[in-house]
Protein backbone atom coordinates (compact mmCIF):
# COMPACT_ATOMS: atom_id res chain seq x y z
CA MET A 1 22.49 30.51 -9.06
CA SER A 2 22.20 26.97 -10.38
CA ARG A 3 19.22 25.95 -12.43
CA ILE A 4 16.83 23.25 -11.41
CA SER A 5 16.85 20.48 -14.00
CA PRO A 6 13.90 18.16 -14.65
CA PRO A 7 14.74 15.02 -12.63
CA SER A 8 13.63 12.37 -15.14
CA ASP A 9 15.62 9.67 -13.34
CA ASP A 10 13.88 10.65 -10.10
CA LEU A 11 10.47 10.37 -11.77
CA ALA A 12 11.24 6.87 -13.00
CA GLU A 13 12.52 5.91 -9.56
CA VAL A 14 9.39 7.23 -7.83
CA LEU A 15 7.12 5.42 -10.29
CA ARG A 16 8.93 2.16 -9.57
CA ALA A 17 8.74 2.76 -5.84
CA ILE A 18 5.02 3.55 -5.59
CA ASN A 19 3.57 0.93 -3.28
CA VAL A 20 0.14 1.94 -2.08
CA ARG A 21 -1.00 0.64 1.29
CA SER A 22 -4.70 1.25 1.69
CA THR A 23 -7.26 0.60 4.39
CA ILE A 24 -10.93 -0.02 3.64
CA LEU A 25 -12.88 2.18 6.04
CA CYS A 26 -16.31 0.94 4.98
CA ARG A 27 -18.28 -0.52 2.14
CA SER A 28 -21.44 1.58 2.03
CA HIS A 29 -24.82 0.73 0.56
CA PHE A 30 -26.69 4.02 0.13
CA THR A 31 -30.29 4.53 -0.95
CA ALA A 32 -31.51 7.92 -2.16
CA PRO A 33 -31.66 10.46 -0.78
CA TRP A 34 -28.30 10.28 0.96
CA GLY A 35 -25.17 12.34 1.49
CA PHE A 36 -22.10 12.46 3.71
CA ARG A 37 -19.35 14.95 4.49
CA VAL A 38 -15.69 14.22 5.25
CA ASP A 39 -13.47 16.90 6.78
CA GLY A 40 -10.13 17.80 5.28
CA SER A 41 -7.06 16.17 6.81
CA ASP A 42 -3.48 15.22 5.97
CA LEU A 43 -4.58 11.66 5.23
CA ALA A 44 -5.05 10.84 1.53
CA LYS A 45 -8.39 9.19 0.81
CA PHE A 46 -10.20 7.38 -2.00
CA HIS A 47 -13.70 6.32 -3.00
CA ILE A 48 -14.70 3.68 -5.53
CA VAL A 49 -18.29 3.72 -6.82
CA LEU A 50 -19.01 0.02 -7.24
CA ASP A 51 -22.50 0.52 -8.65
CA GLY A 52 -25.06 3.28 -9.01
CA ALA A 53 -23.90 6.90 -9.25
CA ALA A 54 -22.96 9.83 -7.03
CA TRP A 55 -21.77 13.43 -6.95
CA LEU A 56 -18.44 14.43 -5.41
CA GLU A 57 -18.12 18.06 -4.30
CA LEU A 58 -14.83 19.47 -3.01
CA ASP A 59 -14.52 22.15 -0.39
CA SER A 60 -13.36 25.66 -1.31
CA PRO A 61 -12.62 26.40 -4.04
CA ALA A 62 -15.76 24.64 -5.21
CA GLU A 63 -15.33 21.72 -7.62
CA ALA A 64 -17.82 18.98 -8.51
CA HIS A 65 -17.62 15.65 -10.34
CA ARG A 66 -20.33 13.24 -11.45
CA LEU A 67 -19.25 9.69 -10.55
CA GLU A 68 -20.81 6.83 -12.49
CA GLY A 69 -20.56 3.19 -11.50
CA GLY A 70 -16.94 2.01 -11.66
CA ALA A 71 -15.47 5.46 -11.03
CA ILE A 72 -12.47 5.85 -8.74
CA VAL A 73 -11.58 9.12 -7.07
CA VAL A 74 -8.32 9.70 -5.19
CA LEU A 75 -7.98 12.72 -2.89
CA PRO A 76 -4.17 12.86 -2.53
CA ARG A 77 -4.14 15.83 -0.14
CA GLY A 78 -7.10 14.71 1.96
CA THR A 79 -9.27 17.60 0.73
CA GLY A 80 -12.59 17.99 2.56
CA HIS A 81 -15.52 16.87 0.47
CA VAL A 82 -19.15 15.82 0.16
CA VAL A 83 -20.46 12.71 -1.60
CA ARG A 84 -24.21 12.39 -2.26
CA ASP A 85 -26.73 11.05 -4.72
CA GLU A 86 -27.83 14.45 -6.05
CA PRO A 87 -26.42 17.99 -5.65
CA ARG A 88 -29.30 19.13 -3.41
CA SER A 89 -29.61 16.07 -1.17
CA PRO A 90 -29.02 16.78 2.54
CA VAL A 91 -25.71 15.65 4.02
CA ARG A 92 -24.49 14.54 7.43
CA HIS A 93 -20.97 14.16 8.70
CA LEU A 94 -19.79 10.61 8.03
CA ASP A 95 -18.78 10.13 11.68
CA ALA A 96 -22.33 10.97 12.79
CA ILE A 97 -23.80 8.54 10.26
CA LEU A 98 -21.51 5.77 11.48
CA THR A 99 -22.51 6.49 15.09
CA ASP A 100 -26.21 6.13 14.29
CA HIS A 101 -25.77 3.32 11.77
CA PRO A 102 -22.91 1.06 12.94
CA LEU A 103 -21.18 -1.18 10.43
CA ASP A 104 -22.40 -4.76 10.25
CA SER A 105 -20.17 -7.78 10.87
CA ALA A 106 -18.85 -7.59 7.29
CA GLY A 107 -17.86 -3.93 7.66
CA ARG A 108 -20.79 -2.61 5.65
CA LEU A 109 -22.79 0.56 6.17
CA ARG A 110 -26.45 0.89 5.13
CA TYR A 111 -27.91 4.37 5.05
CA GLY A 112 -30.44 6.55 3.24
CA GLY A 113 -34.02 6.68 2.07
CA GLU A 114 -36.06 4.37 -0.13
CA GLY A 115 -34.80 5.43 -3.57
CA ALA A 116 -32.15 4.24 -6.02
CA SER A 117 -29.14 2.47 -4.54
CA THR A 118 -25.43 3.21 -4.81
CA THR A 119 -22.55 1.19 -3.38
CA VAL A 120 -19.36 3.03 -2.46
CA LEU A 121 -16.08 1.62 -1.17
CA CYS A 122 -14.47 4.26 1.09
CA GLY A 123 -10.84 4.06 2.11
CA ALA A 124 -7.69 5.85 3.15
CA PHE A 125 -3.95 5.38 2.78
CA GLU A 126 -1.95 4.12 5.72
CA ALA A 127 1.13 6.23 5.02
CA THR A 128 2.29 9.21 2.99
CA LEU A 129 1.13 8.53 -0.54
CA LEU A 130 3.99 10.20 -2.43
CA PRO A 131 6.87 12.62 -1.80
CA ASP A 132 5.59 16.19 -1.43
CA ASP A 133 6.84 17.38 -4.82
CA MET A 134 5.04 14.44 -6.49
CA THR A 135 1.83 14.97 -4.55
CA ASP A 136 1.83 18.58 -5.73
CA LEU A 137 1.57 17.32 -9.33
CA LEU A 138 -1.72 15.58 -8.59
CA PRO A 139 -5.02 17.47 -8.75
CA ARG A 140 -7.13 17.80 -5.58
CA ALA A 141 -9.36 15.03 -6.96
CA LEU A 142 -8.00 12.51 -9.43
CA VAL A 143 -10.97 10.78 -11.06
CA LEU A 144 -10.82 7.63 -13.17
CA ASP A 145 -14.03 6.54 -14.88
CA GLN A 146 -14.11 2.88 -15.82
CA ASP A 147 -15.43 2.79 -19.38
CA GLY A 148 -12.71 0.49 -20.70
CA SER A 149 -11.50 2.92 -23.38
CA SER A 150 -7.97 3.41 -22.06
CA ARG A 151 -5.08 1.06 -21.47
CA VAL A 152 -5.20 1.57 -17.72
CA THR A 153 -8.93 0.79 -17.47
CA ARG A 154 -8.59 -2.37 -19.57
CA TRP A 155 -5.64 -3.56 -17.49
CA LEU A 156 -7.50 -2.89 -14.25
CA GLN A 157 -10.87 -4.37 -15.27
CA PRO A 158 -10.33 -7.74 -13.54
CA PHE A 159 -9.54 -5.90 -10.32
CA ALA A 160 -12.62 -3.73 -10.76
CA ASP A 161 -14.70 -6.90 -11.06
CA LEU A 162 -13.25 -8.21 -7.81
CA LEU A 163 -13.97 -4.95 -6.02
CA ALA A 164 -17.55 -5.01 -7.28
CA SER A 165 -18.18 -8.54 -6.03
CA HIS A 166 -20.60 -8.94 -3.14
CA SER A 167 -18.53 -11.33 -1.08
CA ALA A 168 -19.13 -11.23 2.66
CA ALA A 169 -16.61 -13.87 3.69
CA PRO A 170 -14.36 -13.47 6.76
CA GLY A 171 -11.45 -11.18 5.96
CA ASP A 172 -13.39 -9.54 3.14
CA ALA A 173 -12.11 -6.03 4.00
CA ALA A 174 -8.47 -7.17 4.04
CA VAL A 175 -8.83 -8.81 0.62
CA LEU A 176 -10.53 -5.72 -0.82
CA ALA A 177 -7.73 -3.54 0.57
CA LYS A 178 -5.10 -5.64 -1.23
CA VAL A 179 -7.05 -5.46 -4.48
CA ALA A 180 -7.43 -1.70 -4.04
CA ASP A 181 -3.66 -1.43 -3.49
CA VAL A 182 -2.95 -2.87 -6.94
CA PHE A 183 -5.71 -0.83 -8.53
CA LEU A 184 -4.63 2.49 -7.06
CA THR A 185 -0.89 1.92 -7.50
CA GLU A 186 -1.29 1.38 -11.24
CA PHE A 187 -3.67 4.32 -11.54
CA LEU A 188 -1.15 6.69 -9.92
CA ARG A 189 1.73 5.34 -11.97
CA GLN A 190 -0.14 5.85 -15.22
CA TYR A 191 -1.12 9.41 -14.34
CA LEU A 192 2.27 10.49 -13.00
CA ALA A 193 4.10 8.95 -15.97
CA GLN A 194 2.85 11.95 -17.96
CA GLN A 195 4.24 14.57 -15.57
CA GLU A 196 7.91 14.65 -16.56
CA ALA A 197 7.49 17.78 -18.68
CA ALA A 198 6.51 19.79 -15.59
CA LEU A 199 8.60 18.11 -12.91
CA VAL A 200 11.40 20.09 -11.32
CA HIS A 201 12.77 19.75 -7.83
CA LEU A 202 11.27 22.28 -5.46
CA PRO A 203 13.93 24.69 -4.15
CA THR A 204 14.58 24.60 -0.45
CA ASP A 205 11.83 26.14 1.68
CA GLU A 206 14.46 28.19 3.48
CA GLY A 207 16.12 31.39 2.35
CA ALA A 208 16.03 32.65 -1.22
CA GLY A 209 14.48 29.48 -2.62
CA ALA A 210 11.34 29.61 -0.47
CA PRO A 211 9.32 32.03 -2.67
CA ILE A 212 10.03 29.99 -5.81
CA ALA A 213 9.04 26.75 -4.07
CA ALA A 214 5.82 28.41 -2.94
CA ALA A 215 5.06 29.64 -6.46
CA LEU A 216 5.64 26.19 -7.95
CA ARG A 217 3.23 24.68 -5.42
CA LEU A 218 0.59 27.26 -6.28
CA MET A 219 0.85 26.43 -9.99
CA ARG A 220 0.74 22.70 -9.43
CA ARG A 221 -2.10 22.68 -6.93
CA ASP A 222 -4.38 25.06 -8.81
CA PRO A 223 -3.39 25.18 -12.49
CA ARG A 224 -6.83 26.39 -13.55
CA ALA A 225 -6.43 29.64 -11.60
CA ARG A 226 -5.89 32.80 -13.67
CA TRP A 227 -2.29 33.19 -12.60
CA THR A 228 -0.23 36.18 -13.70
CA VAL A 229 3.39 36.94 -12.96
CA GLU A 230 2.28 39.86 -10.83
CA GLY A 231 -0.27 37.73 -8.97
CA LEU A 232 2.24 34.96 -8.25
CA ALA A 233 4.82 37.50 -7.10
CA ARG A 234 2.28 39.04 -4.74
CA GLN A 235 1.37 35.62 -3.33
CA VAL A 236 5.01 34.86 -2.44
CA GLY A 237 5.89 38.35 -1.18
CA MET A 238 8.17 39.56 -3.98
CA SER A 239 8.15 42.35 -6.52
CA ARG A 240 7.14 41.34 -10.03
CA THR A 241 10.58 42.08 -11.50
CA ALA A 242 12.54 40.27 -8.80
CA PHE A 243 10.20 37.28 -8.87
CA ALA A 244 10.34 36.88 -12.66
CA ALA A 245 14.15 37.03 -12.70
CA HIS A 246 14.58 34.75 -9.69
CA PHE A 247 12.09 32.20 -11.07
CA ARG A 248 13.80 32.06 -14.47
CA ASP A 249 17.23 31.68 -12.90
CA SER A 250 15.96 28.84 -10.68
CA VAL A 251 13.65 26.92 -13.01
CA GLY A 252 15.18 27.74 -16.40
CA GLU A 253 12.11 29.33 -17.99
CA PRO A 254 9.67 32.19 -17.24
CA PRO A 255 6.84 31.59 -14.75
CA LEU A 256 4.02 31.49 -17.29
CA SER A 257 5.96 29.17 -19.59
CA HIS A 258 6.34 26.76 -16.70
CA LEU A 259 2.66 27.15 -15.83
CA THR A 260 1.85 26.03 -19.37
CA ARG A 261 3.97 22.91 -18.83
CA VAL A 262 2.15 22.15 -15.58
CA ARG A 263 -1.26 22.54 -17.21
CA LEU A 264 -0.39 20.42 -20.24
CA SER A 265 1.26 17.70 -18.15
CA GLN A 266 -1.86 17.39 -16.04
CA GLY A 267 -3.89 17.33 -19.24
CA ALA A 268 -1.74 14.48 -20.54
CA GLY A 269 -2.36 12.59 -17.31
CA TYR A 270 -6.12 12.93 -17.76
CA LEU A 271 -5.88 11.85 -21.40
CA ALA A 272 -3.95 8.71 -20.44
CA THR A 273 -6.15 7.59 -17.56
CA THR A 274 -9.69 8.85 -18.20
CA SER A 275 -12.30 9.01 -20.93
CA ARG A 276 -13.24 12.62 -20.18
CA THR A 277 -13.74 14.79 -23.23
CA ILE A 278 -10.86 16.94 -24.43
CA GLY A 279 -12.99 20.04 -23.83
CA ALA A 280 -13.61 19.05 -20.20
CA ILE A 281 -9.92 18.32 -19.67
CA ALA A 282 -9.01 21.68 -21.20
CA ARG A 283 -11.23 23.47 -18.67
CA ASP A 284 -9.91 21.36 -15.80
CA VAL A 285 -6.33 22.49 -16.45
CA GLY A 286 -7.03 26.16 -17.04
CA TYR A 287 -7.86 26.65 -20.73
CA ASP A 288 -10.94 28.50 -21.93
CA ASN A 289 -11.65 26.11 -24.77
CA GLU A 290 -10.56 22.91 -26.47
CA SER A 291 -8.94 24.73 -29.40
CA SER A 292 -6.44 26.71 -27.32
CA PHE A 293 -5.60 23.64 -25.24
CA SER A 294 -5.08 21.50 -28.36
CA LYS A 295 -2.75 24.04 -29.98
CA ALA A 296 -0.62 24.36 -26.86
CA PHE A 297 -0.61 20.59 -26.34
CA LYS A 298 0.64 19.93 -29.87
CA ARG A 299 3.47 22.45 -29.43
CA LEU A 300 4.74 20.63 -26.34
CA TYR A 301 3.97 16.98 -27.17
CA GLY A 302 4.21 17.05 -30.97
CA CYS A 303 0.74 15.59 -31.52
CA SER A 304 -2.87 16.47 -30.89
CA PRO A 305 -4.59 15.46 -27.62
CA GLY A 306 -6.72 12.96 -29.56
CA ALA A 307 -3.68 11.33 -31.16
CA PHE A 308 -1.90 11.24 -27.79
CA ARG A 309 -4.89 9.47 -26.21
CA THR A 310 -5.08 6.97 -29.10
CA ASP A 311 -1.36 6.18 -28.92
CA TRP A 312 -1.45 5.78 -25.14
CA SER A 313 -4.52 3.51 -25.27
CA ALA A 314 -3.10 1.24 -27.97
């Protein structure tokens, strides 16, 4: 059986070819208390918090993120989610809100109570965002917080300023969509540029390669899960011994060694594109604490997470 080699040339080609085409669904002005729900679908989505703050909560398994003004969140697999001002605020389905509160002539939604205000730009992608094996490398929610501390946030700041403007001129939505295209394309490129260590071609979904492809997807889509060789084997319908041997023959390393690569590659992506603490990133990618994450990261990348972030931001 031939091994799957890391397709570094393919990664570079995909990064060059990323060309996001987004659609602005609405520019929403919310006043607390407020909350909306969006069902899961195959369509990748994004939200940009232009001002104020919000909570994003993903459907099962539960996952929550605090979004401050300037934050961008991309949902590459269209995961169902809730966005609201506070974790306990009531929510309605977004379609129902739009029925009762139609958009104005500038494509804006106004909804909520009499409290603090938050402005959110909601959008979706017109076509498949990335090839399947690339999409699998992205977390369910990819969050960028705009504090200006990383190279990507500094480069994108002028576009963030344009998105935050309060223009209501004709064609406003089309202009915002073009700005969002540039913003989101660069964001995805910067994150995925860190994924080469974990990128292998998925085996064919037919025949003997199907269980290995399924296991790789499980690792990529939920790296924080407490995966074991036995648990992965059970998930893909193989015995532990057969799965371990077949995986190593196909991928070139044992399952848990590859899982470590997946976790650390996602960690590197967070370090390059966000200002989240190293401890928070460690937990996001499946480590119990910052120390264990840092030791593993240094073994793979040759430097500490802090040094990596500093070098990338320079």
